[in-house]
Every structure is written in C-alpha cells, then in structure tokens.
N, C-alpha and C. Protein backbone atom coordinates (compact mmCIF):
# COMPACT_ATOMS: atom_id res chain seq x y z
N MET A 1 22.32 25.52 -94.94
CA MET A 1 21.53 26.10 -94.43
C MET A 1 21.58 27.97 -94.31
N LEU A 2 21.09 28.57 -94.45
CA LEU A 2 21.28 30.12 -94.37
C LEU A 2 20.52 29.95 -93.22
N ARG A 3 21.34 30.71 -91.75
CA ARG A 3 20.89 31.30 -90.57
C ARG A 3 20.25 32.65 -90.54
N MET A 4 18.99 32.87 -89.86
CA MET A 4 18.45 33.90 -90.26
C MET A 4 18.12 34.30 -89.21
N ARG A 5 18.30 35.50 -87.95
CA ARG A 5 18.13 36.04 -86.84
C ARG A 5 17.03 36.65 -86.71
N ILE A 6 15.93 36.22 -86.38
CA ILE A 6 14.24 36.58 -86.58
C ILE A 6 14.08 36.97 -84.84
N CYS A 7 13.76 38.76 -85.75
CA CYS A 7 13.11 39.10 -83.97
C CYS A 7 11.82 39.81 -83.96
N SER A 8 11.26 40.38 -83.10
CA SER A 8 10.05 40.96 -83.39
C SER A 8 10.05 42.72 -83.23
N ALA A 9 8.58 43.17 -84.33
CA ALA A 9 9.12 44.21 -84.56
C ALA A 9 8.19 44.88 -83.37
N LEU A 10 8.54 46.38 -83.75
CA LEU A 10 8.70 47.65 -82.93
C LEU A 10 7.55 48.73 -83.22
N ILE A 11 6.55 49.03 -82.14
CA ILE A 11 5.66 50.09 -83.01
C ILE A 11 6.41 50.97 -84.11
N ARG A 12 7.32 51.27 -83.53
CA ARG A 12 8.15 52.28 -84.42
C ARG A 12 8.92 51.33 -85.74
N ASP A 13 8.54 50.74 -86.07
CA ASP A 13 8.91 49.26 -87.53
C ASP A 13 7.57 49.55 -88.02
N ALA A 14 6.01 50.12 -87.69
CA ALA A 14 5.09 49.96 -88.41
C ALA A 14 4.90 50.36 -90.17
N GLU A 15 5.33 51.18 -90.02
CA GLU A 15 5.69 52.02 -91.48
C GLU A 15 6.06 50.88 -92.61
N GLY A 16 7.44 51.16 -91.83
CA GLY A 16 8.12 49.36 -92.92
C GLY A 16 7.84 48.46 -92.72
N VAL A 17 6.91 48.12 -92.30
CA VAL A 17 6.27 46.76 -92.38
C VAL A 17 5.10 47.10 -92.78
N ALA A 18 4.72 48.22 -93.09
CA ALA A 18 3.02 48.30 -93.91
C ALA A 18 4.00 48.61 -95.09
N ASN A 19 4.78 49.15 -95.71
CA ASN A 19 5.48 49.25 -96.68
C ASN A 19 6.19 48.02 -97.17
N LEU A 20 6.34 47.33 -96.44
CA LEU A 20 7.26 45.95 -97.40
C LEU A 20 5.94 45.03 -97.39
N VAL A 21 4.47 45.03 -96.47
CA VAL A 21 3.61 44.05 -96.95
C VAL A 21 2.93 44.23 -98.32
N ASN A 22 3.01 45.84 -98.66
CA ASN A 22 1.74 46.69 -100.10
C ASN A 22 2.70 45.95 -101.01
N THR A 23 4.06 46.15 -100.90
CA THR A 23 5.01 46.12 -102.00
C THR A 23 4.98 43.82 -102.45
N ALA A 24 5.59 43.51 -101.15
CA ALA A 24 5.18 42.35 -101.38
C ALA A 24 3.72 41.71 -101.90
N PHE A 25 2.19 42.05 -101.55
CA PHE A 25 1.21 41.77 -102.42
C PHE A 25 0.72 42.45 -103.14
N GLY A 26 1.49 43.21 -103.86
CA GLY A 26 1.50 43.65 -105.58
C GLY A 26 0.67 42.94 -105.89
N PRO A 27 1.22 41.49 -106.19
CA PRO A 27 0.46 40.80 -106.99
C PRO A 27 -1.14 40.36 -106.66
N GLU A 28 -1.72 41.09 -106.32
CA GLU A 28 -3.04 41.13 -105.64
C GLU A 28 -3.58 42.46 -106.29
N ARG A 29 -3.11 43.05 -106.79
CA ARG A 29 -3.14 44.40 -107.77
C ARG A 29 -4.28 43.64 -108.53
N PHE A 30 -4.22 42.60 -109.30
CA PHE A 30 -5.30 42.39 -110.37
C PHE A 30 -6.94 42.03 -109.44
N PHE A 31 -6.62 42.04 -108.48
CA PHE A 31 -8.28 42.11 -108.04
C PHE A 31 -8.58 42.87 -106.91
N THR A 32 -7.73 43.32 -106.72
CA THR A 32 -7.42 44.42 -105.61
C THR A 32 -6.88 45.96 -105.77
N ALA A 33 -7.55 47.22 -105.21
CA ALA A 33 -6.96 48.79 -105.38
C ALA A 33 -6.67 48.85 -104.06
N GLU A 34 -7.29 48.14 -103.52
CA GLU A 34 -6.52 48.91 -101.74
C GLU A 34 -5.28 48.28 -101.51
N ASP A 35 -4.23 49.17 -100.82
CA ASP A 35 -3.08 48.13 -100.17
C ASP A 35 -3.63 46.89 -99.14
N ARG A 36 -2.51 46.65 -99.03
CA ARG A 36 -3.05 45.10 -98.05
C ARG A 36 -3.10 45.28 -96.37
N THR A 37 -2.28 46.68 -96.12
CA THR A 37 -2.03 47.38 -94.49
C THR A 37 -1.76 48.77 -94.57
N ASN A 38 -1.73 49.05 -93.53
CA ASN A 38 -0.88 50.46 -93.22
C ASN A 38 -0.58 50.52 -91.98
N PRO A 39 -0.16 51.77 -91.74
CA PRO A 39 0.79 51.44 -90.52
C PRO A 39 -0.24 51.49 -89.58
N ASP A 40 -1.44 52.15 -89.21
CA ASP A 40 -2.15 52.42 -88.39
C ASP A 40 -2.82 50.67 -87.85
N LYS A 41 -2.89 49.89 -89.15
CA LYS A 41 -2.92 48.52 -88.65
C LYS A 41 -2.12 47.78 -88.40
N VAL A 42 -1.45 48.19 -88.75
CA VAL A 42 0.03 47.40 -88.49
C VAL A 42 0.19 47.52 -86.91
N ARG A 43 0.34 48.40 -86.51
CA ARG A 43 0.22 48.98 -84.58
C ARG A 43 -1.30 48.06 -84.02
N ALA A 44 -2.20 48.27 -84.77
CA ALA A 44 -2.83 47.79 -83.97
C ALA A 44 -2.99 46.44 -83.96
N LEU A 45 -2.17 45.13 -84.95
CA LEU A 45 -2.11 44.49 -84.50
C LEU A 45 -1.14 43.75 -83.88
N LEU A 46 0.03 44.35 -83.57
CA LEU A 46 1.09 45.01 -82.35
C LEU A 46 0.55 44.61 -81.09
N GLU A 47 -0.69 44.86 -81.03
CA GLU A 47 -1.72 44.76 -80.21
C GLU A 47 -1.94 43.33 -79.35
N THR A 48 -2.18 42.71 -80.42
CA THR A 48 -2.85 41.30 -80.53
C THR A 48 -1.75 40.24 -80.94
N GLY A 49 -0.54 40.56 -81.27
CA GLY A 49 0.23 39.44 -81.95
C GLY A 49 1.63 39.99 -82.38
N LYS A 50 2.38 39.96 -83.43
CA LYS A 50 3.71 40.49 -82.65
C LYS A 50 4.52 40.07 -84.74
N PHE A 51 4.89 40.69 -84.90
CA PHE A 51 5.16 40.61 -86.41
C PHE A 51 6.90 40.82 -86.41
N LEU A 52 7.11 38.99 -87.31
CA LEU A 52 8.36 38.61 -86.57
C LEU A 52 9.29 38.96 -87.64
N LEU A 53 9.92 39.93 -88.32
CA LEU A 53 11.44 40.47 -88.79
C LEU A 53 12.85 39.40 -89.02
N LEU A 54 12.64 39.53 -89.79
CA LEU A 54 14.80 39.55 -90.13
C LEU A 54 15.51 40.44 -89.90
N GLU A 55 15.98 40.47 -88.87
CA GLU A 55 16.75 41.46 -87.99
C GLU A 55 17.86 42.18 -88.91
N ASP A 56 17.92 43.32 -88.90
CA ASP A 56 18.73 44.11 -89.81
C ASP A 56 18.39 44.24 -91.18
N SER A 57 17.24 44.14 -91.65
CA SER A 57 17.31 43.58 -93.68
C SER A 57 15.35 44.23 -93.22
N GLY A 58 14.85 45.06 -93.97
CA GLY A 58 13.40 45.58 -94.70
C GLY A 58 12.91 44.77 -95.33
N SER A 59 13.24 43.44 -95.26
CA SER A 59 13.14 41.59 -96.45
C SER A 59 12.37 40.99 -96.13
N LEU A 60 11.60 40.84 -95.31
CA LEU A 60 11.15 39.97 -94.91
C LEU A 60 10.22 40.21 -93.48
N VAL A 61 9.48 39.50 -93.28
CA VAL A 61 8.21 40.02 -91.98
C VAL A 61 6.95 38.66 -92.13
N GLY A 62 6.51 38.42 -90.84
CA GLY A 62 5.02 37.52 -90.97
C GLY A 62 4.77 38.12 -89.88
N TYR A 63 3.15 37.71 -89.69
CA TYR A 63 2.37 38.24 -88.58
C TYR A 63 2.36 36.83 -87.83
N VAL A 64 2.45 37.23 -86.32
CA VAL A 64 2.02 35.38 -85.87
C VAL A 64 1.44 35.85 -84.52
N GLU A 65 -0.31 35.13 -83.87
CA GLU A 65 -0.68 35.71 -82.61
C GLU A 65 -1.18 34.33 -82.25
N LEU A 66 -1.25 34.48 -81.04
CA LEU A 66 -1.43 33.56 -80.72
C LEU A 66 -3.18 33.51 -80.08
N ARG A 67 -3.21 31.76 -80.36
CA ARG A 67 -5.04 32.04 -80.06
C ARG A 67 -5.01 30.64 -79.38
N GLY A 68 -5.12 30.87 -77.78
CA GLY A 68 -4.97 29.76 -77.72
C GLY A 68 -4.60 28.27 -77.88
N GLU A 69 -4.86 27.33 -77.94
CA GLU A 69 -4.04 26.02 -78.66
C GLU A 69 -3.90 25.92 -80.05
N ARG A 70 -4.34 27.29 -81.26
CA ARG A 70 -3.93 27.26 -81.93
C ARG A 70 -3.38 28.82 -82.32
N GLY A 71 -2.16 28.67 -83.69
CA GLY A 71 -1.54 30.07 -84.02
C GLY A 71 -2.28 30.94 -84.55
N TYR A 72 -1.95 31.52 -85.43
CA TYR A 72 -2.36 32.42 -86.95
C TYR A 72 -1.25 32.75 -86.92
N PHE A 73 -0.88 32.61 -88.30
CA PHE A 73 0.30 33.35 -89.67
C PHE A 73 -0.31 34.19 -90.06
N GLY A 74 0.19 35.20 -90.66
CA GLY A 74 -0.41 35.76 -91.97
C GLY A 74 0.21 36.77 -92.56
N LEU A 75 0.24 37.52 -93.54
CA LEU A 75 0.86 38.72 -94.25
C LEU A 75 2.47 38.70 -94.17
N LEU A 76 2.55 37.09 -94.60
CA LEU A 76 4.09 36.37 -95.00
C LEU A 76 4.23 37.47 -96.14
N SER A 77 5.54 38.64 -96.21
CA SER A 77 5.80 39.13 -96.82
C SER A 77 7.56 39.02 -97.10
N VAL A 78 7.85 38.68 -98.58
CA VAL A 78 9.13 38.72 -99.16
C VAL A 78 9.79 39.69 -100.16
N ASP A 79 10.56 40.54 -99.42
CA ASP A 79 10.74 41.64 -100.47
C ASP A 79 10.87 41.00 -102.22
N PRO A 80 10.35 41.28 -103.15
CA PRO A 80 10.04 40.83 -104.19
C PRO A 80 11.80 40.75 -104.65
N SER A 81 12.58 41.17 -104.30
CA SER A 81 13.61 40.73 -104.81
C SER A 81 14.66 39.53 -104.46
N ARG A 82 13.93 39.32 -103.40
CA ARG A 82 14.76 37.80 -102.51
C ARG A 82 13.81 36.96 -102.44
N GLN A 83 12.66 37.27 -103.34
CA GLN A 83 12.15 35.54 -103.17
C GLN A 83 12.35 34.86 -103.16
N ARG A 84 11.83 33.77 -103.47
CA ARG A 84 11.96 31.93 -104.15
C ARG A 84 13.47 31.76 -103.22
N SER A 85 14.03 32.57 -102.16
CA SER A 85 15.28 32.35 -101.69
C SER A 85 15.00 31.13 -100.68
N GLY A 86 13.60 30.81 -100.36
CA GLY A 86 13.82 30.04 -99.91
C GLY A 86 13.65 30.58 -97.93
N HIS A 87 13.89 32.07 -98.10
CA HIS A 87 13.35 33.16 -96.60
C HIS A 87 12.23 32.97 -96.14
N GLY A 88 11.49 33.33 -96.80
CA GLY A 88 9.62 32.94 -96.50
C GLY A 88 9.73 31.55 -96.07
N SER A 89 10.14 30.55 -96.48
CA SER A 89 9.93 29.50 -95.87
C SER A 89 10.54 28.43 -94.52
N ARG A 90 11.61 29.85 -94.00
CA ARG A 90 12.41 29.86 -93.23
C ARG A 90 11.58 30.86 -91.93
N LEU A 91 11.43 31.45 -92.37
CA LEU A 91 10.06 32.29 -91.44
C LEU A 91 8.54 31.69 -91.12
N ILE A 92 8.42 30.89 -92.12
CA ILE A 92 7.18 30.16 -91.59
C ILE A 92 8.15 28.99 -90.71
N GLY A 93 8.61 28.17 -90.54
CA GLY A 93 9.66 27.70 -89.95
C GLY A 93 9.53 28.38 -88.08
N ALA A 94 10.14 29.68 -88.29
CA ALA A 94 9.84 30.66 -87.20
C ALA A 94 9.22 31.06 -86.14
N ALA A 95 7.92 30.71 -87.28
CA ALA A 95 6.47 31.26 -86.54
C ALA A 95 5.95 29.80 -86.02
N GLU A 96 6.37 29.09 -87.08
CA GLU A 96 5.85 27.66 -86.08
C GLU A 96 6.59 26.94 -85.27
N ASP A 97 8.21 27.40 -84.86
CA ASP A 97 8.57 27.33 -83.52
C ASP A 97 7.98 28.21 -82.28
N TYR A 98 7.93 29.56 -83.15
CA TYR A 98 7.73 30.04 -81.53
C TYR A 98 5.40 29.90 -81.46
N CYS A 99 5.13 29.28 -82.53
CA CYS A 99 3.70 28.88 -80.88
C CYS A 99 4.25 27.72 -81.03
N ARG A 100 4.68 26.77 -80.94
CA ARG A 100 5.17 25.15 -80.37
C ARG A 100 5.31 25.97 -78.91
N SER A 101 6.20 26.86 -79.39
CA SER A 101 6.71 26.86 -77.91
C SER A 101 5.98 27.70 -77.07
N ALA A 102 4.85 27.99 -77.80
CA ALA A 102 3.67 28.75 -76.51
C ALA A 102 2.66 27.80 -76.35
N GLY A 103 2.77 26.15 -77.21
CA GLY A 103 1.43 25.30 -76.15
C GLY A 103 0.18 25.50 -77.53
N CYS A 104 0.70 25.89 -78.28
CA CYS A 104 -0.18 25.36 -79.96
C CYS A 104 -0.36 24.36 -80.11
N ARG A 105 -1.10 23.80 -80.78
CA ARG A 105 -1.14 22.83 -81.21
C ARG A 105 -1.61 22.64 -82.66
N LEU A 106 -1.76 23.96 -83.31
CA LEU A 106 -2.16 24.29 -84.64
C LEU A 106 -1.84 25.32 -85.28
N LEU A 107 -1.57 25.61 -86.50
CA LEU A 107 -1.04 26.73 -86.89
C LEU A 107 -2.07 27.09 -88.13
N ASP A 108 -2.80 27.80 -88.17
CA ASP A 108 -3.82 28.58 -88.85
C ASP A 108 -3.24 30.39 -90.02
N LEU A 109 -3.42 30.39 -91.65
CA LEU A 109 -3.37 30.61 -92.33
C LEU A 109 -4.05 31.02 -93.36
N THR A 110 -4.56 31.68 -93.92
CA THR A 110 -5.42 32.21 -94.91
C THR A 110 -4.73 32.79 -96.35
N LEU A 111 -4.82 32.55 -97.15
CA LEU A 111 -4.42 32.83 -98.08
C LEU A 111 -6.21 33.27 -99.25
N VAL A 112 -5.71 34.05 -100.51
CA VAL A 112 -7.09 34.41 -101.52
C VAL A 112 -6.95 33.55 -102.62
N ASN A 113 -8.28 33.06 -102.57
CA ASN A 113 -8.04 31.98 -103.56
C ASN A 113 -7.44 32.15 -105.27
N LEU A 114 -7.50 32.96 -105.23
CA LEU A 114 -6.80 34.09 -106.41
C LEU A 114 -5.38 33.71 -106.83
N ARG A 115 -5.04 33.58 -106.01
CA ARG A 115 -3.46 33.61 -106.15
C ARG A 115 -3.46 31.93 -105.57
N THR A 116 -3.17 31.54 -106.67
CA THR A 116 -3.83 30.15 -107.57
C THR A 116 -2.21 29.29 -107.16
N GLU A 117 -1.31 29.94 -107.48
CA GLU A 117 0.37 29.56 -107.07
C GLU A 117 0.80 29.34 -105.22
N LEU A 118 -0.33 29.83 -104.55
CA LEU A 118 -0.20 29.63 -102.86
C LEU A 118 -0.40 28.44 -102.02
N PRO A 119 -1.64 27.84 -102.79
CA PRO A 119 -1.78 26.41 -101.72
C PRO A 119 -0.46 25.58 -101.96
N ALA A 120 -0.65 24.97 -103.22
CA ALA A 120 0.77 24.19 -103.27
C ALA A 120 1.74 24.94 -101.96
N MET A 121 2.42 25.78 -102.62
CA MET A 121 3.62 26.51 -101.27
C MET A 121 3.35 25.46 -99.89
N TYR A 122 2.11 26.19 -99.68
CA TYR A 122 1.97 25.96 -98.49
C TYR A 122 1.34 24.20 -98.36
N GLN A 123 0.83 23.72 -99.01
CA GLN A 123 0.94 22.12 -98.78
C GLN A 123 2.03 21.20 -98.77
N ARG A 124 3.02 21.48 -99.31
CA ARG A 124 4.76 21.62 -98.88
C ARG A 124 5.02 21.28 -97.77
N LEU A 125 4.84 22.71 -97.13
CA LEU A 125 5.18 22.90 -95.73
C LEU A 125 4.31 22.09 -95.13
N GLY A 126 3.47 21.21 -95.26
CA GLY A 126 2.17 20.55 -93.91
C GLY A 126 0.92 21.15 -94.23
N TYR A 127 0.46 21.95 -94.60
CA TYR A 127 -0.54 22.73 -94.38
C TYR A 127 -1.67 22.20 -94.93
N ARG A 128 -3.16 21.98 -95.07
CA ARG A 128 -4.09 21.07 -95.76
C ARG A 128 -4.95 22.33 -95.39
N GLU A 129 -5.83 22.36 -96.27
CA GLU A 129 -7.77 23.46 -96.79
C GLU A 129 -8.08 22.61 -95.72
N ASN A 130 -8.91 24.04 -94.99
CA ASN A 130 -9.90 23.32 -94.19
C ASN A 130 -11.35 24.27 -93.89
N GLY A 131 -11.43 25.12 -95.35
CA GLY A 131 -12.45 26.07 -95.40
C GLY A 131 -12.50 27.60 -95.76
N THR A 132 -13.19 28.02 -95.57
CA THR A 132 -13.21 29.20 -96.26
C THR A 132 -13.46 30.39 -95.43
N GLU A 133 -13.76 31.71 -96.35
CA GLU A 133 -14.22 32.34 -95.15
C GLU A 133 -14.46 34.06 -96.58
N PRO A 134 -15.01 35.13 -96.38
CA PRO A 134 -15.42 35.97 -97.00
C PRO A 134 -14.25 37.14 -97.20
N PHE A 135 -13.34 36.99 -98.46
CA PHE A 135 -12.69 38.04 -98.63
C PHE A 135 -12.97 39.03 -97.97
N PRO A 136 -12.11 39.80 -96.98
CA PRO A 136 -12.37 41.43 -95.66
C PRO A 136 -12.08 42.61 -97.01
N ALA A 137 -12.04 42.95 -97.91
CA ALA A 137 -12.40 43.95 -98.50
C ALA A 137 -12.83 44.34 -100.05
N GLU A 138 -13.33 45.29 -101.01
CA GLU A 138 -13.47 45.28 -101.75
C GLU A 138 -12.49 44.74 -102.75
N SER A 139 -13.40 43.80 -103.51
CA SER A 139 -12.52 43.51 -104.86
C SER A 139 -13.16 43.54 -106.07
N LYS A 140 -12.01 43.72 -107.29
CA LYS A 140 -12.63 43.47 -108.57
C LYS A 140 -13.27 42.15 -108.92
N LEU A 141 -13.09 41.49 -108.70
CA LEU A 141 -12.52 40.00 -109.21
C LEU A 141 -14.43 39.12 -107.51
N PRO A 142 -14.61 38.20 -108.00
CA PRO A 142 -14.96 37.87 -107.01
C PRO A 142 -14.07 37.42 -105.89
N CYS A 143 -14.13 36.88 -105.02
CA CYS A 143 -13.17 35.84 -104.70
C CYS A 143 -13.15 35.58 -103.19
N HIS A 144 -12.47 34.82 -102.33
CA HIS A 144 -12.61 34.36 -100.82
C HIS A 144 -11.49 33.70 -100.44
N LEU A 145 -11.62 33.51 -99.03
CA LEU A 145 -10.50 33.13 -97.98
C LEU A 145 -10.60 32.20 -97.76
N VAL A 146 -9.23 31.21 -98.61
CA VAL A 146 -9.43 29.76 -97.97
C VAL A 146 -8.11 29.13 -96.42
N LYS A 147 -9.38 29.05 -95.88
CA LYS A 147 -8.07 28.64 -94.67
C LYS A 147 -7.08 27.53 -94.33
N MET A 148 -6.18 27.93 -93.98
CA MET A 148 -5.60 26.04 -94.18
C MET A 148 -4.89 25.67 -92.76
N THR A 149 -4.23 24.81 -92.20
CA THR A 149 -3.68 24.78 -91.05
C THR A 149 -2.85 23.25 -91.08
N LYS A 150 -1.91 23.41 -89.92
CA LYS A 150 -0.84 22.37 -90.21
C LYS A 150 -1.32 22.15 -88.15
N PRO A 151 -0.67 20.70 -87.82
CA PRO A 151 -0.63 20.55 -86.43
C PRO A 151 0.78 20.92 -86.32
N LEU A 152 0.89 21.45 -85.21
CA LEU A 152 2.67 21.74 -84.92
C LEU A 152 2.40 19.85 -83.52
N ARG A 153 3.57 19.45 -84.15
CA ARG A 153 4.11 18.02 -83.44
C ARG A 153 5.59 18.81 -82.62
N GLY A 154 5.93 17.75 -82.04
CA GLY A 154 7.50 18.53 -81.22
C GLY A 154 8.28 19.02 -81.65
N PRO A 155 9.27 19.34 -81.57
CA PRO A 155 10.42 20.47 -82.17
C PRO A 155 10.25 20.28 -83.69
N SER A 156 10.20 21.22 -84.18
CA SER A 156 10.08 21.41 -85.49
C SER A 156 9.14 20.49 -86.17
N GLY A 157 8.08 20.39 -85.83
CA GLY A 157 6.86 19.65 -86.27
C GLY A 157 7.18 18.20 -86.04
N LEU A 158 8.14 17.82 -85.92
CA LEU A 158 8.11 16.16 -85.51
C LEU A 158 7.83 15.51 -84.34
N GLY A 159 7.42 13.97 -84.34
CA GLY A 159 6.40 13.59 -83.91
C GLY A 159 5.87 14.32 -82.46
C-alpha cells in the first residue's frame, strides 16, 4: 500500500486548498454555479478545525473537525488526474484515525444527494445514512445534503 505523509494546512495554504476543492468539486457544476469554497472560507474553517493535506502535493485535501465525541469530515478533494487511485480512501482513514485518537466515537459527513455515485463509496468504508439537511447554497436543481455516520472503534476501526 502506498504510504502518504499527511500534514495540516496552514493559513498560507488557503488559496491552494480552495483551488483544489473547487477543481475537485467540478462535477457539481450541473446543479450549482457557485464555487464550493474560497480562501476566506478556508481560513474561517481553519479556526474551528483543520485541513489534512498530502504533504508536498497539491493533489489531496480533506477537512476534519472535532465536535466532542463526534468528528466531522468534509470537502474531500482529490485532483481529478489522481482520482480512483485510493488516495481519497487513505485520507478518510487518516481523518478517522485523527478523530479516534482525539476520543471521538463517531465520524459524520454530508454529501449532496445529486452526487449519486458517492453513497456507495462511503458505504463500502462503513458509513451509513442517518438523515438529511438542506443544501446550504443556491442550486439549479432541487437538492439536499445526505448525512452519513461511521462508528469509530479501536485502532483503524477494529473492535
């Protein structure tokens, strides 16, 4: 298995993080004209959580936030030229390990219901749907967010 060195983004990384997120979320352009984020939003998120990055590469990022016994993971972004390589799953594993080591018992995420390819990917990783919430921006098509959760148990999710 490929070894990745994961590090935390710094304020100075905000523009690069925003660019990668917006590039990776390009498939959402069929239902929203807005960028997913911008450097100011990234800087604001860095005040409550952190972005995990593949060190020395602008090809992979994900946001993780500790919320008591629950963690939150979002904005998983893999450079389109490196998608389907297993990097995203490994970053999700790093986020799970980070939350687990901080004492979280559950990890939550949300995805847009119109991205029909995503639930199965997260289900294969142990996430289960547990509700919905409104989509937080203008959209060209009716949509909502699907909430998913995974219980975090011992090391790497084992018993």
